[in-house]
Amino acid sequence: MTQEIEIEFKQLIDKNTYEEMLTYFQNRRHPIITQTNHYFETKNFLLKDKKSALRVRYKEGDYILTLKQPHSSSLLETHQHLDEKNFKDFKNSGCIPEGAVKKQLSTLLNLQTVHFIYLGYLTTERSEVPIKEGLLVLDKSSYFNTTDYELEFECDDYDSGKLFFLNFLEKWQMSWNKPKNKIERFYEASPL
């Protein structure tokens, strides 16, 4: 089973700030990569009620099924690789593929009584900036009729990471307004 604890801090930014940061970090950032998150949920939004999310991320020819669920002040992510056929079968049938994610999901839901539905997708243009404190990420995300821009900071320690992030925002003359995560923003923009 592939699992990881994700510690990250986020800030929605405007288009101008996003472009300024892309330029500022031009020599240190990785090239922009496009990734698409395909979101799944139960008919009664049981995952949302448990502050969890289920997605398949398509990036550079790879499909990764991920369950995100709360874990103290961070998130526990459970991952498994899918091939294109498994992804399409899941999308069309709502039957979750066998593996680590299904096993972890069974600790949250009675999988005998739930059926998953495909909600849609969110496409992100992502650029990563490795720094000694962790990883800065610049995202431009498009979903339904919405485009937003986000700064993320991923790190290994919550307390030192938060301090770094607050100082970083101050240097860019911003104060922290913790945004809703991508799936929450996706839900709000969804016509469903």
Protein backbone atom coordinates (compact mmCIF):
# COMPACT_ATOMS: atom_id res chain seq x y z
CA MET A 1 0.00 0.00 0.00
CA THR A 2 1.40 3.40 -0.95
CA GLN A 3 0.50 6.01 1.65
CA GLU A 4 1.89 9.37 2.61
CA ILE A 5 1.13 12.18 5.00
CA GLU A 6 0.74 15.43 3.07
CA ILE A 7 1.63 18.63 4.90
CA GLU A 8 0.90 21.65 2.77
CA PHE A 9 -0.07 25.29 3.07
CA LYS A 10 -2.06 27.05 0.37
CA GLN A 11 -2.97 30.55 -0.71
CA LEU A 12 -5.17 31.63 -3.60
CA ILE A 13 -3.41 34.34 -5.57
CA ASP A 14 -4.46 36.56 -8.45
CA LYS A 15 -3.32 36.13 -12.03
CA ASN A 16 -0.78 38.98 -11.80
CA THR A 17 0.88 37.51 -8.68
CA TYR A 18 0.93 34.07 -10.31
CA GLU A 19 2.68 35.49 -13.39
CA GLU A 20 5.12 37.52 -11.23
CA MET A 21 6.05 34.39 -9.29
CA LEU A 22 6.52 32.36 -12.47
CA THR A 23 8.91 35.05 -13.70
CA TYR A 24 10.66 35.48 -10.33
CA PHE A 25 11.36 31.74 -10.03
CA GLN A 26 11.99 31.25 -13.76
CA ASN A 27 15.55 29.95 -13.33
CA ARG A 28 14.71 27.68 -10.37
CA ARG A 29 11.35 26.19 -11.28
CA HIS A 30 10.59 23.07 -13.23
CA PRO A 31 8.78 23.44 -16.56
CA ILE A 32 5.01 23.65 -16.38
CA ILE A 33 3.31 20.24 -16.45
CA THR A 34 -0.38 19.73 -17.17
CA GLN A 35 -2.28 17.29 -14.99
CA THR A 36 -5.98 16.45 -14.86
CA ASN A 37 -7.83 15.38 -11.72
CA HIS A 38 -10.95 13.29 -12.34
CA TYR A 39 -13.22 13.37 -9.27
CA PHE A 40 -15.51 10.61 -7.99
CA GLU A 41 -18.07 10.61 -5.21
CA THR A 42 -21.04 8.61 -3.95
CA LYS A 43 -24.57 9.64 -4.86
CA ASN A 44 -25.12 10.97 -1.33
CA PHE A 45 -21.69 12.67 -1.06
CA LEU A 46 -20.55 10.33 1.71
CA LEU A 47 -16.87 11.11 1.08
CA LYS A 48 -17.49 14.86 1.26
CA ASP A 49 -19.30 14.31 4.57
CA LYS A 50 -16.15 12.61 5.87
CA LYS A 51 -13.96 15.46 4.54
CA SER A 52 -12.39 12.98 2.14
CA ALA A 53 -11.94 12.95 -1.63
CA LEU A 54 -11.40 10.37 -4.35
CA ARG A 55 -9.69 11.23 -7.60
CA VAL A 56 -7.78 9.80 -10.51
CA ARG A 57 -4.92 12.06 -11.57
CA TYR A 58 -3.70 11.78 -15.14
CA LYS A 59 -0.19 13.16 -15.53
CA GLU A 60 2.49 12.40 -18.11
CA GLY A 61 0.75 9.24 -19.31
CA ASP A 62 0.14 7.88 -15.82
CA TYR A 63 -3.17 7.32 -13.99
CA ILE A 64 -3.00 7.44 -10.16
CA LEU A 65 -6.07 6.70 -8.04
CA THR A 66 -5.87 8.61 -4.74
CA LEU A 67 -8.00 8.71 -1.61
CA LYS A 68 -7.41 11.80 0.52
CA GLN A 69 -8.66 11.76 4.11
CA PRO A 70 -8.06 13.90 7.22
CA HIS A 71 -5.12 13.00 9.45
CA SER A 72 -4.48 15.29 12.46
CA SER A 73 -3.35 18.66 10.97
CA SER A 74 -2.64 17.18 7.54
CA LEU A 75 -3.97 14.65 5.03
CA LEU A 76 -3.42 10.94 4.61
CA GLU A 77 -3.17 10.01 0.95
CA THR A 78 -3.50 6.44 -0.30
CA HIS A 79 -2.37 5.88 -3.91
CA GLN A 80 -2.44 3.16 -6.50
CA HIS A 81 -1.53 3.07 -10.18
CA LEU A 82 -4.23 2.32 -12.76
CA ASP A 83 -3.94 1.56 -16.40
CA GLU A 84 -6.17 3.37 -18.89
CA LYS A 85 -8.64 0.48 -19.05
CA ASN A 86 -9.06 0.41 -15.24
CA PHE A 87 -9.65 4.18 -15.24
CA LYS A 88 -12.26 4.01 -18.00
CA ASP A 89 -13.99 1.04 -16.36
CA PHE A 90 -14.16 2.91 -13.04
CA LYS A 91 -15.43 6.06 -14.74
CA ASN A 92 -18.14 4.17 -16.66
CA SER A 93 -19.21 1.56 -14.09
CA GLY A 94 -18.63 3.28 -10.74
CA CYS A 95 -17.02 0.08 -9.42
CA ILE A 96 -13.76 0.91 -7.70
CA PRO A 97 -10.77 -1.19 -8.83
CA GLU A 98 -9.22 -3.69 -6.44
CA GLY A 99 -6.16 -2.51 -4.57
CA ALA A 100 -4.83 -0.27 -1.80
CA VAL A 101 -7.38 2.52 -2.29
CA LYS A 102 -10.36 0.17 -2.15
CA LYS A 103 -8.94 -1.42 0.99
CA GLN A 104 -8.50 1.99 2.67
CA LEU A 105 -11.95 3.13 1.49
CA SER A 106 -13.48 0.12 3.24
CA THR A 107 -12.40 1.69 6.56
CA LEU A 108 -14.55 4.75 5.72
CA LEU A 109 -17.55 3.33 3.86
CA ASN A 110 -19.53 0.15 3.48
CA LEU A 111 -18.44 -0.63 -0.07
CA GLN A 112 -21.23 -3.21 -0.43
CA THR A 113 -23.82 -0.41 -0.39
CA VAL A 114 -22.14 2.44 -2.30
CA HIS A 115 -21.70 3.17 -5.97
CA PHE A 116 -19.32 5.85 -7.21
CA ILE A 117 -20.27 8.47 -9.77
CA TYR A 118 -17.98 10.51 -11.98
CA LEU A 119 -18.31 14.23 -11.18
CA GLY A 120 -16.01 15.72 -13.81
CA TYR A 121 -12.47 16.98 -14.05
CA LEU A 122 -10.17 19.85 -13.11
CA THR A 123 -7.08 20.58 -15.19
CA THR A 124 -4.02 22.18 -13.60
CA GLU A 125 -0.94 23.74 -15.16
CA ARG A 126 1.64 23.15 -12.41
CA SER A 127 5.16 24.47 -11.91
CA GLU A 128 7.25 23.27 -8.97
CA VAL A 129 10.08 25.17 -7.31
CA PRO A 130 12.31 23.01 -5.10
CA ILE A 131 13.75 25.01 -2.19
CA LYS A 132 15.66 23.91 0.92
CA GLU A 133 12.55 24.36 3.11
CA GLY A 134 10.35 22.15 0.91
CA LEU A 135 8.53 22.57 -2.38
CA LEU A 136 6.74 25.67 -3.68
CA VAL A 137 4.05 24.92 -6.24
CA LEU A 138 2.36 27.36 -8.60
CA ASP A 139 -0.97 26.13 -9.98
CA LYS A 140 -3.34 27.49 -12.58
CA SER A 141 -6.51 25.38 -12.40
CA SER A 142 -9.47 25.31 -14.79
CA TYR A 143 -12.79 23.61 -14.08
CA PHE A 144 -16.27 24.25 -15.44
CA ASN A 145 -16.25 28.01 -16.24
CA THR A 146 -13.68 28.89 -13.58
CA THR A 147 -9.92 29.53 -13.55
CA ASP A 148 -8.04 30.12 -10.33
CA TYR A 149 -4.42 30.53 -9.28
CA GLU A 150 -2.88 29.00 -6.20
CA LEU A 151 0.41 28.95 -4.33
CA GLU A 152 1.15 25.77 -2.38
CA PHE A 153 4.02 24.99 -0.05
CA GLU A 154 4.70 21.32 0.75
CA CYS A 155 7.00 20.38 3.61
CA ASP A 156 7.88 17.67 6.13
CA ASP A 157 7.16 19.53 9.38
CA TYR A 158 3.95 21.42 10.14
CA ASP A 159 5.31 24.03 12.58
CA SER A 160 8.46 25.06 10.69
CA GLY A 161 6.53 24.86 7.39
CA LYS A 162 3.82 27.19 8.63
CA LEU A 163 6.40 29.69 9.87
CA PHE A 164 8.23 29.63 6.53
CA PHE A 165 4.97 30.01 4.59
CA LEU A 166 3.80 32.99 6.67
CA ASN A 167 7.18 34.69 6.21
CA PHE A 168 7.13 33.95 2.48
CA LEU A 169 3.67 35.50 2.14
CA GLU A 170 4.78 38.55 4.10
CA LYS A 171 7.71 39.07 1.70
CA TRP A 172 5.19 39.03 -1.15
CA GLN A 173 2.97 41.47 0.79
CA MET A 174 0.17 38.99 1.38
CA SER A 175 -1.57 37.78 4.49
CA TRP A 176 -2.68 34.17 4.76
CA ASN A 177 -6.25 33.47 3.81
CA LYS A 178 -6.45 29.69 3.94
CA PRO A 179 -8.50 28.73 0.87
CA LYS A 180 -10.82 25.83 0.32
CA ASN A 181 -9.02 22.95 -1.35
CA LYS A 182 -9.39 22.14 -5.05
CA ILE A 183 -12.14 19.56 -4.59
CA GLU A 184 -14.19 21.97 -2.44
CA ARG A 185 -13.82 24.72 -5.06
CA PHE A 186 -14.71 22.15 -7.74
CA TYR A 187 -17.89 21.20 -5.81
CA GLU A 188 -18.91 24.85 -5.50
CA ALA A 189 -18.50 25.49 -9.22
CA SER A 190 -20.19 22.24 -10.24
CA PRO A 191 -23.59 22.50 -11.92
CA LEU A 192 -24.63 19.24 -10.17
